[in-house]
Amino acid sequence: MNAPERFEMFMLPEGARKIEITKDPKMSNCLLFRIQREDHTIANVLRYRLLSHPQVLFCAYRSPHPLEYLIELKVQTTSRTTPIDVMKEAIQSLMLEYGNIRRVFGDELVRVLPSAGDGAMRAPRVPASSFGGFGAMDVAPSEFGMPSDIGGRSDRPDDVDIDF
């Protein structure tokens, strides 16, 4: 199979650097950040945060190849600051924001989940019927009617393909 091993998504090869920074020769005050072992998840969040910074003129990312776990993020700023400074600010603000989300989530888990008396947290038992199904696999009536009323093949009750 051509796909790389799953551990390669996370493990840096020995001697490799997580981030390589190069100056863009075609744009002034612009750097290219090559971030190893990351994907669109972190790149899109960073791009969004960087674009919200008032000193950032341009920010975009790309994944050179779908089988390589590498993101290239290009950042251009005004002459008042450097791309490295705004990148540091973006990373620090994201760490603070996601740290707060994690703390609030943990506090809510402690509040909601009952304790078993031994200090271990136990998840509450919720009947599967209370979730209302899983979209296309739900054979119960929905706001669109019965799955057979929607279209598609009638010989399978779970088929809810819409024919155009």
N, C-alpha and C. Protein backbone atom coordinates (compact mmCIF):
# COMPACT_ATOMS: atom_id res chain seq x y z
N MET A 1 0.85 -1.18 0.00
CA MET A 1 0.00 0.00 0.00
C MET A 1 0.89 1.24 0.00
N ASN A 2 0.47 2.30 -0.66
CA ASN A 2 1.26 3.51 -0.79
C ASN A 2 1.15 4.44 0.40
N ALA A 3 0.14 4.29 1.21
CA ALA A 3 -0.07 5.19 2.33
C ALA A 3 1.03 5.01 3.37
N PRO A 4 1.50 6.11 3.96
CA PRO A 4 2.51 5.99 5.01
C PRO A 4 1.91 5.38 6.28
N GLU A 5 2.79 4.89 7.12
CA GLU A 5 2.34 4.31 8.39
C GLU A 5 1.69 5.40 9.25
N ARG A 6 0.71 5.01 10.08
CA ARG A 6 -0.02 5.98 10.89
C ARG A 6 0.87 6.73 11.87
N PHE A 7 1.87 6.07 12.43
CA PHE A 7 2.73 6.75 13.41
C PHE A 7 3.51 7.89 12.77
N GLU A 8 3.66 7.86 11.45
CA GLU A 8 4.38 8.93 10.77
C GLU A 8 3.64 10.26 10.81
N MET A 9 2.34 10.23 11.13
CA MET A 9 1.57 11.46 11.23
C MET A 9 2.01 12.27 12.45
N PHE A 10 2.59 11.62 13.45
CA PHE A 10 2.88 12.29 14.71
C PHE A 10 4.37 12.34 15.05
N MET A 11 5.09 11.33 14.70
CA MET A 11 6.49 11.20 15.10
C MET A 11 7.41 11.94 14.14
N LEU A 12 8.19 12.86 14.68
CA LEU A 12 9.20 13.53 13.87
C LEU A 12 10.38 12.59 13.66
N PRO A 13 10.91 12.54 12.46
CA PRO A 13 12.11 11.74 12.26
C PRO A 13 13.26 12.32 13.09
N GLU A 14 14.18 11.48 13.45
CA GLU A 14 15.30 11.93 14.27
C GLU A 14 16.09 13.01 13.53
N GLY A 15 16.35 14.09 14.22
CA GLY A 15 17.10 15.20 13.65
C GLY A 15 16.25 16.21 12.90
N ALA A 16 14.98 15.92 12.69
CA ALA A 16 14.11 16.85 11.97
C ALA A 16 13.60 17.94 12.91
N ARG A 17 13.36 19.10 12.35
CA ARG A 17 12.84 20.22 13.12
C ARG A 17 11.34 20.32 12.90
N LYS A 18 10.60 20.70 13.92
CA LYS A 18 9.14 20.84 13.82
C LYS A 18 8.77 21.96 12.85
N ILE A 19 9.46 23.09 12.95
CA ILE A 19 9.16 24.24 12.09
C ILE A 19 10.43 24.72 11.41
N GLU A 20 10.36 24.90 10.11
CA GLU A 20 11.43 25.51 9.34
C GLU A 20 10.91 26.83 8.80
N ILE A 21 11.71 27.89 8.92
CA ILE A 21 11.27 29.21 8.50
C ILE A 21 12.20 29.69 7.40
N THR A 22 11.61 30.12 6.28
CA THR A 22 12.39 30.67 5.18
C THR A 22 11.78 31.99 4.73
N LYS A 23 12.62 32.88 4.27
CA LYS A 23 12.17 34.19 3.80
C LYS A 23 11.67 34.05 2.36
N ASP A 24 10.56 34.68 2.08
CA ASP A 24 10.03 34.68 0.72
C ASP A 24 10.74 35.77 -0.08
N PRO A 25 11.46 35.42 -1.15
CA PRO A 25 12.21 36.43 -1.90
C PRO A 25 11.33 37.36 -2.75
N LYS A 26 10.09 36.96 -3.01
CA LYS A 26 9.23 37.74 -3.89
C LYS A 26 8.36 38.76 -3.15
N MET A 27 8.17 38.57 -1.85
CA MET A 27 7.29 39.46 -1.08
C MET A 27 8.07 40.06 0.07
N SER A 28 7.84 41.34 0.33
CA SER A 28 8.55 41.99 1.44
C SER A 28 7.89 41.64 2.77
N ASN A 29 8.70 41.51 3.79
CA ASN A 29 8.24 41.21 5.15
C ASN A 29 7.35 39.96 5.17
N CYS A 30 7.79 38.92 4.50
CA CYS A 30 7.01 37.70 4.37
C CYS A 30 7.88 36.49 4.67
N LEU A 31 7.33 35.56 5.45
CA LEU A 31 8.03 34.32 5.78
C LEU A 31 7.16 33.12 5.44
N LEU A 32 7.82 32.02 5.12
CA LEU A 32 7.16 30.75 4.87
C LEU A 32 7.51 29.82 6.03
N PHE A 33 6.49 29.37 6.75
CA PHE A 33 6.65 28.44 7.86
C PHE A 33 6.30 27.04 7.35
N ARG A 34 7.25 26.13 7.37
CA ARG A 34 7.00 24.73 7.00
C ARG A 34 6.87 23.96 8.31
N ILE A 35 5.67 23.52 8.61
CA ILE A 35 5.37 22.87 9.89
C ILE A 35 5.22 21.37 9.64
N GLN A 36 6.12 20.59 10.22
CA GLN A 36 6.14 19.14 10.06
C GLN A 36 5.09 18.48 10.95
N ARG A 37 4.54 17.38 10.46
CA ARG A 37 3.63 16.50 11.18
C ARG A 37 2.36 17.21 11.65
N GLU A 38 1.85 18.11 10.81
CA GLU A 38 0.58 18.77 11.08
C GLU A 38 -0.27 18.71 9.83
N ASP A 39 -1.56 19.00 9.99
CA ASP A 39 -2.47 18.93 8.85
C ASP A 39 -3.36 20.16 8.81
N HIS A 40 -4.45 20.06 8.08
CA HIS A 40 -5.35 21.20 7.89
C HIS A 40 -5.97 21.69 9.19
N THR A 41 -6.09 20.85 10.17
CA THR A 41 -6.72 21.24 11.43
C THR A 41 -6.00 22.42 12.05
N ILE A 42 -4.74 22.28 12.31
CA ILE A 42 -3.99 23.36 12.95
C ILE A 42 -3.72 24.49 11.97
N ALA A 43 -3.51 24.17 10.71
CA ALA A 43 -3.19 25.20 9.72
C ALA A 43 -4.36 26.16 9.53
N ASN A 44 -5.57 25.65 9.46
CA ASN A 44 -6.73 26.51 9.26
C ASN A 44 -6.99 27.38 10.49
N VAL A 45 -6.81 26.84 11.67
CA VAL A 45 -6.99 27.61 12.90
C VAL A 45 -5.95 28.73 12.97
N LEU A 46 -4.70 28.40 12.67
CA LEU A 46 -3.64 29.42 12.66
C LEU A 46 -3.91 30.49 11.61
N ARG A 47 -4.29 30.08 10.43
CA ARG A 47 -4.58 31.03 9.36
C ARG A 47 -5.69 31.99 9.78
N TYR A 48 -6.75 31.45 10.34
CA TYR A 48 -7.88 32.28 10.78
C TYR A 48 -7.42 33.28 11.85
N ARG A 49 -6.65 32.81 12.81
CA ARG A 49 -6.19 33.69 13.88
C ARG A 49 -5.23 34.76 13.35
N LEU A 50 -4.35 34.37 12.45
CA LEU A 50 -3.41 35.33 11.89
C LEU A 50 -4.12 36.39 11.04
N LEU A 51 -5.13 35.99 10.29
CA LEU A 51 -5.86 36.96 9.47
C LEU A 51 -6.64 37.96 10.30
N SER A 52 -6.95 37.60 11.54
CA SER A 52 -7.67 38.54 12.40
C SER A 52 -6.72 39.57 13.03
N HIS A 53 -5.42 39.39 12.87
CA HIS A 53 -4.44 40.33 13.41
C HIS A 53 -4.38 41.56 12.49
N PRO A 54 -4.42 42.76 13.04
CA PRO A 54 -4.46 43.97 12.20
C PRO A 54 -3.18 44.22 11.39
N GLN A 55 -2.06 43.66 11.80
CA GLN A 55 -0.79 43.89 11.11
C GLN A 55 -0.49 42.85 10.02
N VAL A 56 -1.37 41.87 9.87
CA VAL A 56 -1.16 40.82 8.86
C VAL A 56 -1.81 41.24 7.55
N LEU A 57 -1.02 41.28 6.50
CA LEU A 57 -1.51 41.65 5.17
C LEU A 57 -1.97 40.42 4.38
N PHE A 58 -1.27 39.30 4.58
CA PHE A 58 -1.56 38.09 3.81
C PHE A 58 -1.22 36.88 4.66
N CYS A 59 -2.08 35.89 4.60
CA CYS A 59 -1.81 34.62 5.27
C CYS A 59 -2.55 33.52 4.52
N ALA A 60 -1.84 32.48 4.15
CA ALA A 60 -2.45 31.33 3.48
C ALA A 60 -1.60 30.10 3.78
N TYR A 61 -2.21 28.95 3.62
CA TYR A 61 -1.47 27.71 3.82
C TYR A 61 -1.80 26.74 2.70
N ARG A 62 -0.95 25.75 2.58
CA ARG A 62 -1.19 24.66 1.64
C ARG A 62 -0.54 23.40 2.17
N SER A 63 -1.06 22.29 1.69
CA SER A 63 -0.47 21.00 1.97
C SER A 63 0.15 20.52 0.66
N PRO A 64 1.48 20.47 0.58
CA PRO A 64 2.12 20.14 -0.71
C PRO A 64 1.68 18.80 -1.31
N HIS A 65 1.42 17.82 -0.45
CA HIS A 65 1.02 16.50 -0.94
C HIS A 65 0.14 15.84 0.11
N PRO A 66 -0.94 15.19 -0.28
CA PRO A 66 -1.86 14.60 0.72
C PRO A 66 -1.25 13.47 1.55
N LEU A 67 -0.20 12.84 1.07
CA LEU A 67 0.42 11.76 1.84
C LEU A 67 1.58 12.24 2.71
N GLU A 68 1.91 13.53 2.62
CA GLU A 68 2.95 14.11 3.47
C GLU A 68 2.27 14.89 4.58
N TYR A 69 2.74 14.72 5.78
CA TYR A 69 2.17 15.44 6.92
C TYR A 69 2.98 16.70 7.12
N LEU A 70 2.74 17.66 6.23
CA LEU A 70 3.49 18.90 6.19
C LEU A 70 2.54 20.00 5.75
N ILE A 71 2.64 21.13 6.42
CA ILE A 71 1.86 22.30 6.06
C ILE A 71 2.82 23.45 5.80
N GLU A 72 2.57 24.19 4.74
CA GLU A 72 3.33 25.40 4.46
C GLU A 72 2.41 26.59 4.68
N LEU A 73 2.80 27.45 5.61
CA LEU A 73 2.00 28.61 5.99
C LEU A 73 2.79 29.87 5.64
N LYS A 74 2.24 30.70 4.76
CA LYS A 74 2.92 31.92 4.35
C LYS A 74 2.25 33.10 5.04
N VAL A 75 3.06 33.96 5.67
CA VAL A 75 2.55 35.11 6.42
C VAL A 75 3.31 36.36 5.99
N GLN A 76 2.55 37.39 5.61
CA GLN A 76 3.13 38.69 5.29
C GLN A 76 2.51 39.73 6.22
N THR A 77 3.37 40.57 6.80
CA THR A 77 2.91 41.59 7.73
C THR A 77 3.32 42.97 7.24
N THR A 78 2.79 43.97 7.93
CA THR A 78 3.21 45.35 7.66
C THR A 78 4.62 45.53 8.21
N SER A 79 5.20 46.68 7.95
CA SER A 79 6.57 46.95 8.41
C SER A 79 6.62 47.21 9.92
N ARG A 80 5.49 47.35 10.58
CA ARG A 80 5.46 47.61 12.03
C ARG A 80 5.81 46.38 12.87
N THR A 81 5.69 45.20 12.30
CA THR A 81 5.97 43.97 13.05
C THR A 81 6.55 42.93 12.10
N THR A 82 6.91 41.79 12.65
CA THR A 82 7.47 40.71 11.84
C THR A 82 6.52 39.52 11.83
N PRO A 83 6.59 38.69 10.80
CA PRO A 83 5.76 37.48 10.78
C PRO A 83 6.01 36.56 11.98
N ILE A 84 7.24 36.51 12.47
CA ILE A 84 7.53 35.66 13.62
C ILE A 84 6.79 36.17 14.86
N ASP A 85 6.77 37.49 15.05
CA ASP A 85 6.07 38.06 16.21
C ASP A 85 4.57 37.78 16.17
N VAL A 86 3.95 37.95 15.01
CA VAL A 86 2.50 37.70 14.94
C VAL A 86 2.21 36.20 15.06
N MET A 87 3.12 35.36 14.57
CA MET A 87 2.93 33.92 14.73
C MET A 87 3.00 33.54 16.20
N LYS A 88 3.96 34.09 16.94
CA LYS A 88 4.06 33.83 18.38
C LYS A 88 2.79 34.29 19.10
N GLU A 89 2.30 35.49 18.76
CA GLU A 89 1.07 35.99 19.37
C GLU A 89 -0.11 35.08 19.08
N ALA A 90 -0.22 34.63 17.83
CA ALA A 90 -1.33 33.75 17.45
C ALA A 90 -1.28 32.43 18.20
N ILE A 91 -0.10 31.85 18.30
CA ILE A 91 0.04 30.57 19.01
C ILE A 91 -0.27 30.74 20.49
N GLN A 92 0.23 31.80 21.10
CA GLN A 92 -0.03 32.04 22.52
C GLN A 92 -1.52 32.28 22.78
N SER A 93 -2.18 33.04 21.92
CA SER A 93 -3.61 33.29 22.14
C SER A 93 -4.43 32.02 21.93
N LEU A 94 -4.03 31.19 20.96
CA LEU A 94 -4.74 29.93 20.75
C LEU A 94 -4.54 28.97 21.93
N MET A 95 -3.32 28.93 22.46
CA MET A 95 -3.07 28.08 23.63
C MET A 95 -3.92 28.54 24.81
N LEU A 96 -4.04 29.82 25.00
CA LEU A 96 -4.85 30.36 26.09
C LEU A 96 -6.33 30.03 25.86
N GLU A 97 -6.79 30.25 24.65
CA GLU A 97 -8.20 30.00 24.34
C GLU A 97 -8.56 28.52 24.50
N TYR A 98 -7.76 27.64 23.91
CA TYR A 98 -8.06 26.22 24.01
C TYR A 98 -7.80 25.67 25.39
N GLY A 99 -6.88 26.27 26.13
CA GLY A 99 -6.69 25.88 27.53
C GLY A 99 -7.91 26.21 28.36
N ASN A 100 -8.52 27.37 28.09
CA ASN A 100 -9.75 27.74 28.79
C ASN A 100 -10.89 26.80 28.44
N ILE A 101 -11.01 26.44 27.17
CA ILE A 101 -12.06 25.50 26.76
C ILE A 101 -11.86 24.16 27.45
N ARG A 102 -10.63 23.69 27.50
CA ARG A 102 -10.35 22.41 28.16
C ARG A 102 -10.68 22.47 29.65
N ARG A 103 -10.33 23.59 30.31
CA ARG A 103 -10.62 23.74 31.74
C ARG A 103 -12.13 23.75 31.99
N VAL A 104 -12.86 24.52 31.20
CA VAL A 104 -14.31 24.60 31.37
C VAL A 104 -14.96 23.24 31.10
N PHE A 105 -14.47 22.53 30.09
CA PHE A 105 -15.01 21.21 29.79
C PHE A 105 -14.74 20.25 30.95
N GLY A 106 -13.53 20.27 31.49
CA GLY A 106 -13.21 19.41 32.63
C GLY A 106 -14.05 19.74 33.84
N ASP A 107 -14.26 21.04 34.12
CA ASP A 107 -15.11 21.44 35.25
C ASP A 107 -16.54 20.95 35.06
N GLU A 108 -17.03 21.02 33.82
CA GLU A 108 -18.40 20.57 33.55
C GLU A 108 -18.51 19.05 33.67
N LEU A 109 -17.47 18.32 33.28
CA LEU A 109 -17.50 16.87 33.44
C LEU A 109 -17.57 16.49 34.92
N VAL A 110 -16.79 17.18 35.74
CA VAL A 110 -16.81 16.90 37.18
C VAL A 110 -18.19 17.18 37.74
N ARG A 111 -18.83 18.24 37.26
CA ARG A 111 -20.15 18.60 37.76
C ARG A 111 -21.23 17.62 37.30
N VAL A 112 -21.14 17.14 36.07
CA VAL A 112 -22.21 16.33 35.48
C VAL A 112 -22.08 14.85 35.79
N LEU A 113 -20.86 14.30 35.69
CA LEU A 113 -20.70 12.86 35.85
C LEU A 113 -20.77 12.46 37.32
N PRO A 114 -21.59 11.47 37.62
CA PRO A 114 -21.67 11.00 39.00
C PRO A 114 -20.43 10.19 39.39
N SER A 115 -20.06 10.29 40.63
CA SER A 115 -18.92 9.54 41.15
C SER A 115 -19.42 8.21 41.68
N ALA A 116 -18.59 7.19 41.58
CA ALA A 116 -18.98 5.85 42.04
C ALA A 116 -18.67 5.66 43.52
N GLY A 117 -18.22 6.69 44.21
CA GLY A 117 -17.89 6.56 45.63
C GLY A 117 -16.43 6.22 45.84
N ASP A 118 -15.78 5.62 44.85
CA ASP A 118 -14.37 5.28 44.97
C ASP A 118 -13.48 6.32 44.31
N GLY A 119 -14.07 7.45 43.94
CA GLY A 119 -13.31 8.51 43.31
C GLY A 119 -13.27 8.41 41.80
N ALA A 120 -13.70 7.25 41.28
CA ALA A 120 -13.70 7.07 39.83
C ALA A 120 -14.96 7.70 39.24
N MET A 121 -14.80 8.32 38.11
CA MET A 121 -15.95 8.95 37.44
C MET A 121 -16.62 7.90 36.56
N ARG A 122 -17.91 7.89 36.55
CA ARG A 122 -18.68 6.98 35.73
C ARG A 122 -19.55 7.78 34.77
N ALA A 123 -19.59 7.35 33.53
CA ALA A 123 -20.44 8.01 32.55
C ALA A 123 -21.89 7.61 32.81
N PRO A 124 -22.81 8.54 32.70
CA PRO A 124 -24.21 8.19 32.89
C PRO A 124 -24.70 7.29 31.77
N ARG A 125 -25.60 6.39 32.10
CA ARG A 125 -26.16 5.50 31.09
C ARG A 125 -27.32 6.21 30.41
N VAL A 126 -27.21 6.36 29.11
CA VAL A 126 -28.23 7.03 28.32
C VAL A 126 -28.74 6.04 27.29
N PRO A 127 -30.05 5.81 27.23
CA PRO A 127 -30.56 4.86 26.25
C PRO A 127 -30.28 5.34 24.83
N ALA A 128 -29.96 4.41 23.93
CA ALA A 128 -29.62 4.75 22.56
C ALA A 128 -30.78 5.44 21.85
N SER A 129 -32.01 5.14 22.25
CA SER A 129 -33.16 5.74 21.58
C SER A 129 -33.27 7.23 21.83
N SER A 130 -32.59 7.76 22.85
CA SER A 130 -32.69 9.18 23.14
C SER A 130 -31.87 10.04 22.19
N PHE A 131 -31.00 9.41 21.38
CA PHE A 131 -30.20 10.19 20.45
C PHE A 131 -30.91 10.48 19.14
N GLY A 132 -31.99 9.78 18.85
CA GLY A 132 -32.76 10.07 17.64
C GLY A 132 -32.15 9.54 16.36
N GLY A 133 -31.26 8.59 16.43
CA GLY A 133 -30.72 7.97 15.23
C GLY A 133 -29.47 8.65 14.72
N PHE A 134 -29.00 8.16 13.61
CA PHE A 134 -27.76 8.66 13.02
C PHE A 134 -27.97 9.06 11.57
N GLY A 135 -28.85 9.99 11.32
CA GLY A 135 -29.05 10.52 9.98
C GLY A 135 -29.54 9.49 9.01
N ALA A 136 -28.73 9.16 8.01
CA ALA A 136 -29.16 8.27 6.93
C ALA A 136 -29.47 6.87 7.43
N MET A 137 -28.90 6.47 8.55
CA MET A 137 -29.16 5.12 9.06
C MET A 137 -30.39 5.07 9.95
N ASP A 138 -31.01 6.21 10.20
CA ASP A 138 -32.19 6.27 11.06
C ASP A 138 -33.41 5.85 10.25
N VAL A 139 -34.06 4.77 10.66
CA VAL A 139 -35.24 4.31 9.94
C VAL A 139 -36.52 4.79 10.60
N ALA A 140 -36.42 5.58 11.66
CA ALA A 140 -37.60 6.13 12.33
C ALA A 140 -38.11 7.33 11.55
N PRO A 141 -39.39 7.69 11.72
CA PRO A 141 -39.90 8.89 11.04
C PRO A 141 -39.10 10.11 11.46
N SER A 142 -38.91 11.02 10.52
CA SER A 142 -38.15 12.23 10.81
C SER A 142 -38.94 13.41 10.30
N GLU A 143 -38.35 14.60 10.36
CA GLU A 143 -39.04 15.78 9.88
C GLU A 143 -39.30 15.71 8.38
N PHE A 144 -38.61 14.81 7.67
CA PHE A 144 -38.79 14.68 6.23
C PHE A 144 -39.73 13.53 5.89
N GLY A 145 -40.31 12.89 6.88
CA GLY A 145 -41.18 11.75 6.64
C GLY A 145 -40.39 10.46 6.76
N MET A 146 -40.99 9.39 6.33
CA MET A 146 -40.31 8.10 6.37
C MET A 146 -39.21 8.08 5.32
N PRO A 147 -38.11 7.35 5.59
CA PRO A 147 -37.02 7.29 4.61
C PRO A 147 -37.48 6.85 3.23
N SER A 148 -38.47 5.97 3.13
CA SER A 148 -38.93 5.52 1.82
C SER A 148 -39.64 6.64 1.06
N ASP A 149 -40.13 7.67 1.76
CA ASP A 149 -40.80 8.79 1.11
C ASP A 149 -39.82 9.77 0.49
N ILE A 150 -38.54 9.69 0.85
CA ILE A 150 -37.57 10.68 0.42
C ILE A 150 -37.09 10.41 -0.99
N GLY A 151 -36.94 9.20 -1.36
CA GLY A 151 -36.44 8.87 -2.70
C GLY A 151 -35.40 7.79 -2.58
N GLY A 152 -34.82 7.42 -3.69
CA GLY A 152 -33.82 6.36 -3.68
C GLY A 152 -34.48 5.02 -3.88
N ARG A 153 -33.79 3.96 -3.52
CA ARG A 153 -34.30 2.60 -3.70
C ARG A 153 -35.25 2.27 -2.57
N SER A 154 -36.35 1.66 -2.91
CA SER A 154 -37.34 1.32 -1.89
C SER A 154 -37.12 -0.07 -1.31
N ASP A 155 -36.18 -0.85 -1.86
CA ASP A 155 -35.97 -2.19 -1.35
C ASP A 155 -35.11 -2.20 -0.09
N ARG A 156 -34.53 -1.06 0.28
CA ARG A 156 -33.73 -0.96 1.51
C ARG A 156 -34.32 0.14 2.36
N PRO A 157 -34.74 -0.19 3.58
CA PRO A 157 -35.36 0.83 4.43
C PRO A 157 -34.41 1.92 4.89
N ASP A 158 -33.08 1.67 4.87
CA ASP A 158 -32.15 2.68 5.35
C ASP A 158 -31.61 3.56 4.23
N ASP A 159 -32.10 3.40 3.00
CA ASP A 159 -31.61 4.17 1.88
C ASP A 159 -32.38 5.49 1.82
N VAL A 160 -31.68 6.58 2.03
CA VAL A 160 -32.33 7.89 2.00
C VAL A 160 -31.66 8.80 0.98
N ASP A 161 -31.10 8.24 -0.06
CA ASP A 161 -30.50 9.05 -1.12
C ASP A 161 -31.57 9.89 -1.79
N ILE A 162 -31.22 11.11 -2.07
CA ILE A 162 -32.16 12.00 -2.75
C ILE A 162 -31.77 12.01 -4.23
N ASP A 163 -32.72 11.70 -5.09
CA ASP A 163 -32.48 11.69 -6.53
C ASP A 163 -32.78 13.07 -7.10
N PHE A 164 -31.83 13.60 -7.89
CA PHE A 164 -32.01 14.93 -8.50
C PHE A 164 -32.25 14.78 -9.97
